[in-house]
C-alpha cells in the first residue's frame, strides 16, 4: 500500500514530469532524457547549488534502464554532489527512490532498520543501505520532503487539467486522489473553469471518510468513483509480482514484490462496496493479476454480479497476463483499465526481464477475443506521469506493438485494429454516468 506516498494528484504528477514550468515551480529537477549517470549527477549538482541551506534537493523521472550503465549511481556519488543537504531522486515509475546519506539519516534508515511492510531497503554486502528504496520505503522517503502549499496547488491544478484537455480528453480519472482535490475541482467546476469531467479514486485507507466528505463537493463533472489499492510494484523496479522469475532480478526480488493477498483484495472490494463506490487495483505482473482475479472470485456471488453489471471493479495496467487467466476477466465481470503506451518506453526493460514471455505482454487481442468490449470493459488510458498524455502513443503501441520507425516489436500477435484501439478510448462519460 502507498500509505506513505506523497499524495500528488495524477494530473499534476503528469505535468511535472513533462512540462518544464511545473517542475521549476515545485523546485524539482527533471532527469528525463539523461543518457548516463554522469549526466544525471550533473543536473542534480546544479540543483544542489541553488538549494537553500538544509533545503531538500529533489529530482524526478530517472529512467535508469536507459542510462548507458543500466544501474543507479553509488550513494557516495550522490553525496559528493549534494553535500549535507537531504536529496531524493524518484524513478520515472514512482516506485523507487534513491536517497543520499543525509536523507537516509533524516529518515532513520541504517543497517539496523528492517524493511518496512511492503517495501525494500536495498543493502550492500555489509548490510548497509545503498540508498535505493523500493515501494513503501520509497514512498516514505519521498513523503518526508516538503509539500507544495495550497496556494501553489490552486495555481497549478488548472494548468495541469488544461494540459490534459489540450489532448482532447473529455474525462480524466485520478487514481490516488488526496482529499483536498475534490473540493478544489468542484470550485473550478462552479466557476466554469473545468474543461473536462474528473473521476477520483481515493486511497483505500481514506475511502470511508472521503466518501462521506464527497457529498459536499460532488458535481455532475466531479465525482468520487472508488478506492485504490496496490497489489504489486513495477517491471522497471522488478517489484511487479510474477508467476515465474525475472530473467535479471536482483537477489530477493526474483519474482517481484506481492503487496496483497487474495483475501485482502476481497476485503478491499467489499469495503469500497459498503462505501458505495468502486475500486481500482494496481496489478502489473501476472501473479498480481491472478491474485486480483482470485480475490474477485472469492466475493459473494450477488456482490460480484452487482459490481460486474455496474463495471465498478477495475484492474489497472495488466501488463503481463497468464494465458489461463485471460478468460477470467469477462467471466468475473472485471474491467481491464490498461495503458498500451507503456510498451513504447519499456521495450528494453521487457526484453531484459521477461524475454521468454513477450507473447504475454499486454495481451489486448486475447482479452477482446475472450469477451472484453473496447470502451466498456477494456479501457485505455495514459497513466501519467509515468508516460506522456498523448493518446496516439497508446494507439501506436496497441496497433503496431512498437515505436514508429523501429523494426522491434513486442508480442505482435497481440496487436489490435486501429478501430478497436480508438474504441478503447471512447468510453466518454460512461464511468461517471454509471454512478
Protein backbone atom coordinates (compact mmCIF):
# COMPACT_ATOMS: atom_id res chain seq x y z
CA UNK A 1 0.00 0.00 0.00
CA UNK A 2 1.15 3.56 -0.63
CA UNK A 3 0.32 4.87 2.80
CA UNK A 4 3.49 6.96 2.88
CA UNK A 5 3.45 8.19 -0.69
CA UNK A 6 3.42 11.89 -1.41
CA UNK A 7 -0.22 12.41 -2.35
CA UNK A 8 0.09 14.35 -5.58
CA UNK A 9 -2.85 14.09 -7.96
CA UNK A 10 -2.09 12.16 -11.13
CA UNK A 11 -2.83 15.06 -13.48
CA UNK A 12 -0.27 17.19 -11.68
CA UNK A 13 2.29 14.40 -11.42
CA UNK A 14 1.98 14.01 -15.20
CA UNK A 15 2.56 17.66 -15.80
CA UNK A 16 5.62 17.94 -13.56
CA UNK A 17 7.26 15.09 -15.47
CA UNK A 18 6.59 16.55 -18.91
CA UNK A 19 6.15 20.32 -18.51
CA UNK A 20 9.20 22.41 -17.60
CA UNK A 21 7.12 25.14 -15.93
CA UNK A 22 5.73 22.79 -13.30
CA UNK A 23 8.95 21.09 -12.30
CA UNK A 24 10.54 24.52 -11.95
CA UNK A 25 7.59 25.84 -9.92
CA UNK A 26 7.90 22.97 -7.46
CA UNK A 27 11.67 23.30 -7.17
CA UNK A 28 12.42 19.88 -8.67
CA UNK A 29 14.88 18.78 -11.32
CA UNK A 30 13.85 16.50 -14.17
CA UNK A 31 16.21 13.69 -15.17
CA UNK A 32 14.14 12.87 -18.23
CA UNK A 33 16.38 12.25 -21.22
CA UNK A 34 19.56 11.62 -19.25
CA UNK A 35 21.87 9.24 -21.10
CA UNK A 36 24.02 8.11 -18.21
CA UNK A 37 24.77 8.55 -14.51
CA UNK A 38 27.20 11.36 -15.16
CA UNK A 39 24.56 13.50 -16.86
CA UNK A 40 22.05 12.77 -14.09
CA UNK A 41 24.54 13.71 -11.39
CA UNK A 42 25.47 16.92 -13.20
CA UNK A 43 21.81 18.01 -13.21
CA UNK A 44 21.44 17.14 -9.54
CA UNK A 45 24.64 19.03 -8.72
CA UNK A 46 23.26 22.19 -10.38
CA UNK A 47 20.06 21.83 -8.36
CA UNK A 48 22.04 21.41 -5.14
CA UNK A 49 23.93 24.64 -5.82
CA UNK A 50 20.70 26.64 -5.76
CA UNK A 51 19.05 24.81 -2.86
CA UNK A 52 18.87 26.76 0.38
CA UNK A 53 20.88 25.64 3.38
CA UNK A 54 19.27 22.50 4.73
CA UNK A 55 16.73 22.50 1.91
CA UNK A 56 15.85 19.33 0.05
CA UNK A 57 17.28 18.50 -3.36
CA UNK A 58 14.57 16.71 -5.34
CA UNK A 59 14.80 15.12 -8.77
CA UNK A 60 12.30 13.04 -10.72
CA UNK A 61 11.82 10.98 -13.91
CA UNK A 62 15.00 8.91 -13.56
CA UNK A 63 14.76 6.16 -16.19
CA UNK A 64 17.77 4.09 -15.15
CA UNK A 65 17.16 1.35 -17.72
CA UNK A 66 18.05 3.82 -20.49
CA UNK A 67 21.28 5.03 -18.85
CA UNK A 68 24.38 3.61 -20.53
CA UNK A 69 25.34 1.86 -17.27
CA UNK A 70 21.83 0.48 -16.75
CA UNK A 71 22.03 0.99 -12.99
CA UNK A 72 21.75 3.63 -10.28
CA UNK A 73 24.75 5.66 -9.14
CA UNK A 74 26.56 4.91 -5.88
CA UNK A 75 25.40 6.65 -2.72
CA UNK A 76 28.87 8.19 -2.36
CA UNK A 77 28.47 9.76 -5.82
CA UNK A 78 25.16 11.35 -4.85
CA UNK A 79 26.65 12.51 -1.53
CA UNK A 80 29.51 14.18 -3.40
CA UNK A 81 27.21 16.44 -5.46
CA UNK A 82 24.61 17.15 -2.74
CA UNK A 83 26.74 17.50 0.38
CA UNK A 84 24.83 17.67 3.66
CA UNK A 85 21.51 18.62 2.03
CA UNK A 86 18.96 15.76 2.04
CA UNK A 87 18.41 14.56 -1.53
CA UNK A 88 15.88 12.17 -3.05
CA UNK A 89 15.73 11.06 -6.68
CA UNK A 90 12.49 9.48 -7.88
CA UNK A 91 12.36 6.97 -10.71
CA UNK A 92 10.04 7.62 -13.62
CA UNK A 93 7.65 4.89 -12.40
CA UNK A 94 7.29 6.42 -8.88
CA UNK A 95 8.09 3.08 -7.25
CA UNK A 96 11.77 3.66 -6.50
CA UNK A 97 13.67 6.49 -4.80
CA UNK A 98 17.42 6.87 -4.43
CA UNK A 99 18.41 8.86 -1.33
CA UNK A 100 21.69 10.35 -0.19
CA UNK A 101 23.22 9.83 3.25
CA UNK A 102 21.67 12.99 4.70
CA UNK A 103 18.17 11.90 3.64
CA UNK A 104 18.67 8.37 4.96
CA UNK A 105 19.79 9.78 8.31
CA UNK A 106 16.78 12.10 8.41
CA UNK A 107 14.51 9.08 7.83
CA UNK A 108 16.29 6.94 10.40
CA UNK A 109 17.31 4.37 7.80
CA UNK A 110 20.51 2.50 8.72
CA UNK A 111 21.81 -1.07 8.83
CA UNK A 112 19.66 -1.82 11.88
CA UNK A 113 16.41 -0.61 10.32
CA UNK A 114 14.30 -3.52 8.98
CA UNK A 115 12.44 -3.32 5.70
CA UNK A 116 9.03 -1.69 6.15
CA UNK A 117 5.91 -3.69 5.34
CA UNK A 118 5.50 -3.72 1.56
CA UNK A 119 8.90 -2.12 0.96
CA UNK A 120 12.56 -2.86 0.34
CA UNK A 121 15.69 -1.10 1.61
CA UNK A 122 18.46 -2.22 -0.76
CA UNK A 123 21.66 -3.13 1.06
CA UNK A 124 25.27 -3.88 0.17
CA UNK A 125 27.24 -6.96 1.17
CA UNK A 126 27.84 -5.48 4.65
CA UNK A 127 24.12 -4.82 5.21
CA UNK A 128 24.47 -1.06 4.79
CA UNK A 129 21.71 0.78 2.85
CA UNK A 130 22.85 1.54 -0.69
CA UNK A 131 20.42 4.46 -0.99
CA UNK A 132 17.92 2.62 -3.20
CA UNK A 133 14.44 2.33 -1.67
CA UNK A 134 11.53 0.45 -3.25
CA UNK A 135 7.76 0.59 -2.84
CA UNK A 136 6.63 1.68 0.66
CA UNK A 137 10.22 2.51 1.63
CA UNK A 138 10.42 4.84 -1.37
CA UNK A 139 7.05 6.45 -0.61
CA UNK A 140 8.08 7.05 2.99
CA UNK A 141 11.25 8.83 1.93
CA UNK A 142 9.57 10.96 -0.75
CA UNK A 143 6.81 11.87 1.66
CA UNK A 144 9.33 13.46 4.03
CA UNK A 145 10.12 16.25 1.57
CA UNK A 146 8.12 19.48 1.88
CA UNK A 147 4.71 19.54 0.18
CA UNK A 148 3.65 22.38 -2.14
CA UNK A 149 1.42 24.95 -0.45
CA UNK A 150 -2.35 25.13 -1.00
CA UNK A 151 -1.79 28.34 -2.94
CA UNK A 152 0.59 26.53 -5.30
CA UNK A 153 -1.93 23.73 -5.87
CA UNK A 154 -4.64 26.27 -6.66
CA UNK A 155 -2.42 27.73 -9.38
CA UNK A 156 -1.01 24.50 -10.76
CA UNK A 157 -4.04 22.20 -10.94
CA UNK A 158 -5.89 24.35 -13.53
CA UNK A 159 -2.80 24.41 -15.74
CA UNK A 160 -2.37 20.64 -15.47
CA UNK A 161 -6.04 20.00 -16.28
CA UNK A 162 -5.84 22.34 -19.26
CA UNK A 163 -2.78 20.44 -20.46
CA UNK A 164 -4.76 17.19 -20.49
CA UNK A 165 -7.80 18.81 -22.10
CA UNK A 166 -5.48 20.03 -24.85
CA UNK A 167 -5.02 16.43 -25.98
CA UNK A 168 -8.77 16.09 -26.47
CA UNK A 169 -9.54 14.23 -23.25
CA UNK A 170 -13.10 14.77 -22.06
CA UNK A 171 -12.70 12.69 -18.89
CA UNK A 172 -9.79 12.18 -16.51
CA UNK A 173 -9.54 9.70 -13.64
CA UNK A 174 -7.13 10.49 -10.81
CA UNK A 175 -6.01 7.18 -9.35
CA UNK A 176 -4.65 8.33 -5.99
CA UNK A 177 -6.58 11.45 -5.10
CA UNK A 178 -5.80 13.46 -1.95
CA UNK A 179 -8.85 14.65 -0.03
CA UNK A 180 -8.34 18.32 -0.94
CA UNK A 181 -8.55 17.67 -4.70
CA UNK A 182 -12.32 17.12 -4.91
CA UNK A 183 -13.24 20.47 -3.32
CA UNK A 184 -10.65 22.29 -5.45
CA UNK A 185 -12.04 20.76 -8.66
CA UNK A 186 -15.62 21.45 -7.54
CA UNK A 187 -14.74 25.11 -7.16
CA UNK A 188 -13.29 25.13 -10.67
CA UNK A 189 -16.47 23.46 -11.94
CA UNK A 190 -18.71 26.03 -10.28
CA UNK A 191 -16.71 28.88 -11.82
CA UNK A 192 -16.88 27.32 -15.28
CA UNK A 193 -13.12 26.67 -15.25
CA UNK A 194 -13.13 22.86 -15.53
CA UNK A 195 -12.82 21.81 -19.20
CA UNK A 196 -13.41 18.09 -18.63
CA UNK A 197 -15.05 15.64 -16.24
CA UNK A 198 -12.96 14.22 -13.41
CA UNK A 199 -13.46 10.96 -11.52
CA UNK A 200 -11.43 10.41 -8.35
CA UNK A 201 -10.15 7.24 -6.70
CA UNK A 202 -9.10 7.68 -3.07
CA UNK A 203 -6.52 5.63 -1.11
CA UNK A 204 -8.29 2.65 0.44
CA UNK A 205 -7.46 3.77 3.99
CA UNK A 206 -9.40 7.02 3.36
CA UNK A 207 -12.34 5.62 1.42
CA UNK A 208 -15.00 5.95 4.11
CA UNK A 209 -14.03 9.48 5.10
CA UNK A 210 -13.64 10.65 1.51
CA UNK A 211 -16.96 9.05 0.54
CA UNK A 212 -18.64 10.94 3.37
CA UNK A 213 -16.92 14.23 2.51
CA UNK A 214 -17.69 13.84 -1.20
CA UNK A 215 -21.36 14.58 -0.54
CA UNK A 216 -20.40 18.23 -0.12
CA UNK A 217 -18.32 18.60 -3.28
CA UNK A 218 -19.60 16.12 -5.86
CA UNK A 219 -20.85 17.73 -9.06
CA UNK A 220 -22.03 16.33 -12.41
CA UNK A 221 -18.44 16.63 -13.64
CA UNK A 222 -16.55 15.86 -10.40
CA UNK A 223 -17.24 12.59 -8.60
CA UNK A 224 -15.63 10.07 -6.29
CA UNK A 225 -15.64 6.81 -8.27
CA UNK A 226 -13.79 4.43 -5.99
CA UNK A 227 -10.91 3.38 -3.80
CA UNK A 228 -7.40 2.46 -4.92
CA UNK A 229 -5.16 -0.42 -3.89
CA UNK A 230 -1.70 -1.59 -4.96
CA UNK A 231 -1.17 -5.34 -5.28
CA UNK A 232 2.41 -5.20 -6.63
CA UNK A 233 5.08 -2.83 -7.93
CA UNK A 234 6.51 -2.28 -11.42
CA UNK A 235 8.58 -4.06 -14.05
CA UNK A 236 11.22 -1.35 -14.12
CA UNK A 237 11.85 -1.71 -10.38
CA UNK A 238 11.49 -5.51 -10.64
CA UNK A 239 8.80 -5.34 -7.96
CA UNK A 240 5.94 -6.47 -10.21
CA UNK A 241 4.64 -9.76 -8.79
CA UNK A 242 5.41 -12.60 -11.21
CA UNK A 243 4.41 -16.25 -11.56
CA UNK A 244 7.89 -17.12 -12.88
CA UNK A 245 11.23 -15.47 -12.01
CA UNK A 246 12.54 -12.45 -13.86
CA UNK A 247 15.50 -13.16 -16.10
CA UNK A 248 17.58 -10.45 -14.41
CA UNK A 249 16.11 -9.71 -10.98
CA UNK A 250 18.34 -8.82 -8.03
CA UNK A 251 18.55 -11.19 -5.10
CA UNK A 252 15.32 -11.21 -3.13
CA UNK A 253 13.18 -9.89 -5.98
CA UNK A 254 13.32 -12.90 -8.29
CA UNK A 255 9.50 -12.89 -8.57
CA UNK A 256 8.94 -9.27 -7.62
CA UNK A 257 7.08 -7.96 -4.59
CA UNK A 258 3.49 -9.08 -3.93
CA UNK A 259 1.75 -6.49 -1.75
CA UNK A 260 -1.67 -8.03 -1.08
CA UNK A 261 -3.25 -11.47 -0.81
CA UNK A 262 -6.48 -12.55 -2.49
CA UNK A 263 -8.25 -12.41 0.89
CA UNK A 264 -7.07 -8.83 1.43
CA UNK A 265 -8.23 -7.88 -2.06
CA UNK A 266 -11.67 -9.36 -1.47
CA UNK A 267 -11.92 -7.40 1.79
CA UNK A 268 -10.89 -4.21 -0.02
CA UNK A 269 -13.58 -4.68 -2.68
CA UNK A 270 -16.19 -5.27 -0.01
CA UNK A 271 -15.04 -2.21 1.93
CA UNK A 272 -15.42 0.01 -1.14
CA UNK A 273 -18.80 -1.51 -1.94
CA UNK A 274 -20.04 -0.68 1.57
CA UNK A 275 -18.89 2.91 0.96
CA UNK A 276 -20.97 2.94 -2.21
CA UNK A 277 -18.06 3.20 -4.66
CA UNK A 278 -16.00 1.01 -6.97
CA UNK A 279 -12.34 0.02 -6.80
CA UNK A 280 -9.21 0.22 -8.95
CA UNK A 281 -6.48 -2.37 -8.35
CA UNK A 282 -2.91 -1.72 -9.48
CA UNK A 283 -1.60 -5.03 -10.87
CA UNK A 284 1.26 -5.23 -13.36
CA UNK A 285 2.78 -8.71 -13.07
CA UNK A 286 0.91 -11.89 -14.00
CA UNK A 287 0.91 -13.14 -10.39
CA UNK A 288 -0.64 -9.87 -9.19
CA UNK A 289 -3.28 -10.01 -11.94
CA UNK A 290 -4.13 -13.58 -10.94
CA UNK A 291 -4.34 -12.61 -7.26
CA UNK A 292 -6.78 -9.80 -8.13
CA UNK A 293 -8.94 -12.19 -10.12
CA UNK A 294 -8.80 -14.73 -7.28
CA UNK A 295 -9.92 -12.02 -4.84
CA UNK A 296 -12.85 -11.07 -7.08
CA UNK A 297 -13.80 -14.75 -7.41
CA UNK A 298 -13.99 -15.02 -3.60
CA UNK A 299 -16.71 -12.37 -3.40
CA UNK A 300 -20.27 -13.31 -2.63
CA UNK A 301 -21.94 -14.18 -5.95
CA UNK A 302 -24.59 -11.48 -5.55
CA UNK A 303 -21.98 -8.78 -4.90
CA UNK A 304 -19.90 -9.98 -7.82
CA UNK A 305 -22.88 -9.85 -10.18
CA UNK A 306 -23.82 -6.36 -8.99
CA UNK A 307 -20.32 -5.00 -9.34
CA UNK A 308 -19.83 -6.70 -12.69
CA UNK A 309 -23.05 -5.21 -14.07
CA UNK A 310 -22.03 -1.71 -12.98
CA UNK A 311 -18.40 -2.21 -14.14
CA UNK A 312 -17.09 -0.92 -10.82
CA UNK A 313 -14.21 -3.38 -10.38
CA UNK A 314 -11.14 -2.32 -12.38
CA UNK A 315 -7.74 -3.96 -12.64
CA UNK A 316 -5.20 -1.34 -13.65
CA UNK A 317 -2.28 -1.95 -16.03
CA UNK A 318 -2.44 -5.75 -16.53
CA UNK A 319 0.91 -5.58 -18.31
CA UNK A 320 1.56 -9.32 -18.18
CA UNK A 321 -1.34 -11.79 -18.06
CA UNK A 322 -1.05 -15.58 -17.96
CA UNK A 323 -2.84 -17.32 -20.81
CA UNK A 324 -5.15 -19.23 -18.48
CA UNK A 325 -6.29 -16.02 -16.74
CA UNK A 326 -7.41 -14.12 -19.86
CA UNK A 327 -10.92 -15.56 -19.96
CA UNK A 328 -11.50 -14.87 -16.26
CA UNK A 329 -11.84 -11.10 -16.79
CA UNK A 330 -15.13 -11.42 -18.66
CA UNK A 331 -16.29 -14.35 -16.53
CA UNK A 332 -15.82 -12.40 -13.29
CA UNK A 333 -17.03 -9.02 -14.58
CA UNK A 334 -13.64 -7.33 -14.15
CA UNK A 335 -12.75 -4.27 -16.21
CA UNK A 336 -9.21 -4.13 -17.63
CA UNK A 337 -8.05 -0.49 -17.42
CA UNK A 338 -4.80 -0.50 -19.36
CA UNK A 339 -2.13 1.75 -20.85
CA UNK A 340 -0.51 0.33 -24.01
CA UNK A 341 1.74 3.41 -24.20
CA UNK A 342 3.98 1.74 -21.60
CA UNK A 343 5.14 -0.66 -24.27
CA UNK A 344 6.85 2.13 -26.21
CA UNK A 345 9.11 3.14 -23.35
CA UNK A 346 9.55 -0.31 -21.82
CA UNK A 347 10.75 -2.34 -24.82
CA UNK A 348 14.29 -2.63 -23.43
CA UNK A 349 13.02 -3.46 -19.95
CA UNK A 350 10.66 -6.13 -21.24
CA UNK A 351 13.33 -7.80 -23.34
CA UNK A 352 15.66 -7.84 -20.36
CA UNK A 353 13.30 -9.07 -17.64
CA UNK A 354 10.79 -11.34 -19.45
CA UNK A 355 12.41 -12.36 -22.76
CA UNK A 356 10.64 -15.74 -22.64
CA UNK A 357 7.15 -14.26 -22.07
CA UNK A 358 6.86 -11.46 -24.60
CA UNK A 359 3.71 -13.04 -26.06
CA UNK A 360 2.01 -12.46 -22.68
CA UNK A 361 2.87 -8.75 -22.57
CA UNK A 362 -0.22 -6.53 -22.83
CA UNK A 363 -2.41 -9.21 -24.43
CA UNK A 364 -5.19 -6.95 -25.70
CA UNK A 365 -6.02 -9.21 -28.67
CA UNK A 366 -6.59 -12.16 -26.35
CA UNK A 367 -8.68 -10.10 -23.93
CA UNK A 368 -11.00 -8.83 -26.68
CA UNK A 369 -11.30 -12.29 -28.20
CA UNK A 370 -12.26 -13.65 -24.78
CA UNK A 371 -15.11 -11.27 -24.11
CA UNK A 372 -13.83 -7.82 -23.12
CA UNK A 373 -15.50 -4.98 -25.02
CA UNK A 374 -13.44 -1.97 -26.19
CA UNK A 375 -14.60 1.20 -24.44
CA UNK A 376 -16.74 -0.72 -21.95
CA UNK A 377 -14.74 -3.44 -20.20
CA UNK A 378 -11.39 -2.77 -21.90
CA UNK A 379 -10.39 0.86 -21.33
CA UNK A 380 -7.28 2.70 -22.50
CA UNK A 381 -5.65 5.50 -20.52
CA UNK A 382 -2.41 7.44 -20.34
CA UNK A 383 -1.05 6.51 -16.87
CA UNK A 384 0.54 9.89 -16.45
CA UNK A 385 3.13 10.76 -15.12
CA UNK A 386 4.99 7.56 -15.92
CA UNK A 387 4.42 8.27 -19.60
CA UNK A 388 3.13 11.26 -21.54
CA UNK A 389 -0.54 12.02 -22.05
CA UNK A 390 -0.78 11.79 -25.85
CA UNK A 391 -3.43 9.12 -26.66
CA UNK A 392 -1.77 8.47 -30.01
CA UNK A 393 1.05 6.73 -28.13
CA UNK A 394 -1.36 4.06 -26.89
CA UNK A 395 -2.92 3.67 -30.33
CA UNK A 396 0.58 3.25 -31.80
CA UNK A 397 1.54 0.65 -29.19
CA UNK A 398 -1.71 -1.29 -29.44
CA UNK A 399 -1.75 -1.50 -33.24
CA UNK A 400 1.96 -1.75 -34.14
CA UNK A 401 3.33 -3.13 -30.86
CA UNK A 402 6.41 -0.95 -31.16
CA UNK A 403 7.83 2.50 -31.76
CA UNK A 404 7.45 4.37 -35.02
CA UNK A 405 10.29 3.58 -37.38
CA UNK A 406 11.58 0.68 -35.26
CA UNK A 407 11.78 -2.87 -36.52
CA UNK A 408 11.50 -4.14 -32.94
CA UNK A 409 8.05 -5.23 -31.77
CA UNK A 410 6.72 -6.94 -28.66
CA UNK A 411 4.14 -9.71 -28.98
CA UNK A 412 2.97 -8.81 -32.48
CA UNK A 413 0.24 -11.43 -32.24
CA UNK A 414 -1.49 -9.28 -29.60
CA UNK A 415 -1.94 -6.29 -31.95
CA UNK A 416 -5.48 -4.93 -32.35
CA UNK A 417 -7.00 -2.81 -35.09
CA UNK A 418 -6.95 0.98 -35.15
CA UNK A 419 -10.75 0.95 -34.83
CA UNK A 420 -10.59 -1.24 -31.72
CA UNK A 421 -7.88 0.93 -30.18
CA UNK A 422 -9.87 4.10 -30.81
CA UNK A 423 -12.95 2.46 -29.28
CA UNK A 424 -10.99 1.71 -26.10
CA UNK A 425 -10.64 5.47 -25.64
CA UNK A 426 -14.27 6.29 -26.45
CA UNK A 427 -15.90 5.49 -23.11
CA UNK A 428 -16.50 9.24 -22.71
CA UNK A 429 -18.57 9.90 -19.55
CA UNK A 430 -19.90 6.39 -19.15
CA UNK A 431 -17.91 5.65 -15.97
CA UNK A 432 -19.30 8.78 -14.32
CA UNK A 433 -22.82 8.31 -15.61
CA UNK A 434 -22.95 4.73 -14.32
CA UNK A 435 -22.90 6.03 -10.77
